Amino acid sequence: MTPPENELLQFIKDFLWAPVLGLIAWAWNRNEREHEMLRNLHESLKSNQSTGYSTLNDRVMGHIDERVEEVKAAHGKRIDKANEHIIKLFENAERDRSAFREALSQHAKDSADRHIELIKAIHTGLAGKADK
């Protein structure tokens, strides 16, 4: 093996060493900036997570709020329908109560009339026996 010529080593040393070192320094600096940016984003993410804020959390809470509103609306409709049924039940009960009052007063009148007729019949019957 023969050692490389001195001229080639001298050329690399004089003309290529500086640009190669500049390229290495540029790549190193760019790599450090990107890592620093990633570190900052990671710290920001950790601080946002510790306060409980995240866009995913916002989306989940928005979805939950929509579902709660839907459930509240459906529940309100069921309550309104139940109220309508209750009102109808009370109207029917009031109508039945008035019909019962009328029937009861008619029964009381009929009972009083029969009582009077019975008393008259007894009085007439006894009056006829007393005369004999």
Protein backbone atom coordinates (compact mmCIF):
# COMPACT_ATOMS: atom_id res chain seq x y z
CA MET A 1 0.00 0.00 0.00
CA THR A 2 1.23 3.31 -0.89
CA PRO A 3 0.31 6.35 1.11
CA PRO A 4 -1.87 8.94 -0.65
CA GLU A 5 -0.15 11.76 -2.37
CA ASN A 6 0.58 14.84 -0.40
CA GLU A 7 -1.07 17.08 -2.96
CA LEU A 8 -4.52 15.42 -2.50
CA LEU A 9 -4.35 15.71 1.26
CA GLN A 10 -3.21 19.29 0.96
CA PHE A 11 -6.14 20.10 -1.41
CA ILE A 12 -8.69 18.55 0.98
CA LYS A 13 -7.12 20.37 3.90
CA ASP A 14 -7.05 23.73 2.14
CA PHE A 15 -10.27 23.81 0.13
CA LEU A 16 -12.78 21.19 1.32
CA TRP A 17 -12.31 21.19 5.09
CA ALA A 18 -13.89 24.60 5.69
CA PRO A 19 -17.09 23.98 3.63
CA VAL A 20 -17.53 20.52 5.18
CA LEU A 21 -17.18 21.99 8.67
CA GLY A 22 -19.64 24.77 7.71
CA LEU A 23 -22.14 22.19 6.47
CA ILE A 24 -21.74 20.16 9.67
CA ALA A 25 -22.22 23.30 11.80
CA TRP A 26 -25.34 24.29 9.83
CA ALA A 27 -26.85 20.79 10.21
CA TRP A 28 -26.02 20.76 13.94
CA ASN A 29 -27.59 24.19 14.46
CA ARG A 30 -30.77 23.22 12.55
CA ASN A 31 -31.05 19.98 14.53
CA GLU A 32 -30.71 21.88 17.82
CA ARG A 33 -33.37 24.43 16.81
CA GLU A 34 -35.85 21.67 15.91
CA HIS A 35 -35.17 19.83 19.17
CA GLU A 36 -35.62 23.08 21.13
CA MET A 37 -38.93 23.67 19.33
CA LEU A 38 -40.05 20.12 20.20
CA ARG A 39 -39.02 20.62 23.85
CA ASN A 40 -41.01 23.87 24.01
CA LEU A 41 -44.06 22.23 22.46
CA HIS A 42 -43.77 19.33 24.87
CA GLU A 43 -43.58 21.71 27.84
CA SER A 44 -46.57 23.64 26.49
CA LEU A 45 -48.51 20.42 26.10
CA LYS A 46 -47.63 19.35 29.64
CA SER A 47 -48.70 22.71 31.06
CA ASN A 48 -51.97 22.62 29.08
CA GLN A 49 -52.69 19.10 30.26
CA SER A 50 -52.04 20.04 33.85
CA THR A 51 -54.66 22.80 33.66
CA GLY A 52 -57.11 20.40 32.05
CA TYR A 53 -57.38 22.19 28.72
CA SER A 54 -57.15 20.47 25.40
CA THR A 55 -58.99 20.70 22.10
CA LEU A 56 -60.05 17.08 22.47
CA ASN A 57 -61.56 17.93 25.84
CA ASP A 58 -63.41 20.84 24.22
CA ARG A 59 -64.78 18.58 21.50
CA VAL A 60 -65.88 15.92 23.99
CA MET A 61 -67.56 18.49 26.23
CA GLY A 62 -69.27 20.04 23.19
CA HIS A 63 -70.62 16.63 22.20
CA ILE A 64 -71.80 15.97 25.75
CA ASP A 65 -73.50 19.38 25.89
CA GLU A 66 -75.33 18.63 22.64
CA ARG A 67 -76.50 15.27 23.95
CA VAL A 68 -77.63 16.84 27.24
CA GLU A 69 -79.65 19.43 25.33
CA GLU A 70 -81.26 16.67 23.24
CA VAL A 71 -82.13 14.69 26.37
CA LYS A 72 -83.53 17.81 28.06
CA ALA A 73 -85.69 18.57 25.02
CA ALA A 74 -86.96 14.98 24.85
CA HIS A 75 -87.64 15.01 28.60
CA GLY A 76 -89.52 18.30 28.28
CA LYS A 77 -91.71 16.80 25.54
CA ARG A 78 -92.44 13.76 27.73
CA ILE A 79 -93.32 16.03 30.67
CA ASP A 80 -95.65 18.10 28.48
CA LYS A 81 -97.37 14.95 27.22
CA ALA A 82 -97.72 13.64 30.79
CA ASN A 83 -99.19 16.99 31.86
CA GLU A 84 -101.76 16.75 29.07
CA HIS A 85 -102.75 13.28 30.27
CA ILE A 86 -103.00 14.46 33.87
CA ILE A 87 -105.20 17.38 32.82
CA LYS A 88 -107.49 14.98 30.94
CA LEU A 89 -107.66 12.69 33.98
CA PHE A 90 -108.68 15.58 36.24
CA GLU A 91 -111.28 16.77 33.70
CA ASN A 92 -112.72 13.24 33.54
CA ALA A 93 -112.69 13.00 37.35
CA GLU A 94 -114.52 16.33 37.65
CA ARG A 95 -117.12 15.21 35.08
CA ASP A 96 -117.56 11.89 36.94
CA ARG A 97 -117.84 13.75 40.26
CA SER A 98 -120.57 16.04 38.92
CA ALA A 99 -122.43 13.03 37.43
CA PHE A 100 -122.13 11.27 40.80
CA ARG A 101 -123.46 14.36 42.62
CA GLU A 102 -126.45 14.52 40.25
CA ALA A 103 -127.15 10.80 40.68
CA LEU A 104 -126.81 11.09 44.45
CA SER A 105 -129.17 14.07 44.66
CA GLN A 106 -131.69 12.25 42.43
CA HIS A 107 -131.38 9.17 44.66
CA ALA A 108 -131.87 11.29 47.77
CA LYS A 109 -134.96 12.91 46.22
CA ASP A 110 -136.36 9.53 45.17
CA SER A 111 -135.68 8.14 48.66
CA ALA A 112 -137.42 11.09 50.29
CA ASP A 113 -140.42 10.71 47.96
CA ARG A 114 -140.67 6.96 48.71
CA HIS A 115 -140.33 7.67 52.42
CA ILE A 116 -143.17 10.17 52.27
CA GLU A 117 -145.31 7.74 50.25
CA LEU A 118 -144.57 4.97 52.73
CA ILE A 119 -145.47 7.17 55.69
CA LYS A 120 -148.70 8.21 53.96
CA ALA A 121 -149.54 4.57 53.17
CA ILE A 122 -148.92 3.51 56.75
CA HIS A 123 -150.90 6.42 58.06
CA THR A 124 -153.79 5.69 55.71
CA GLY A 125 -153.72 1.98 56.52
CA LEU A 126 -153.58 2.52 60.24
CA ALA A 127 -156.22 5.19 60.09
CA GLY A 128 -158.58 2.81 58.35
CA LYS A 129 -158.03 0.08 60.99
CA ALA A 130 -158.60 2.45 63.84
CA ASP A 131 -162.07 3.29 62.60
CA LYS A 132 -163.31 -0.28 62.54
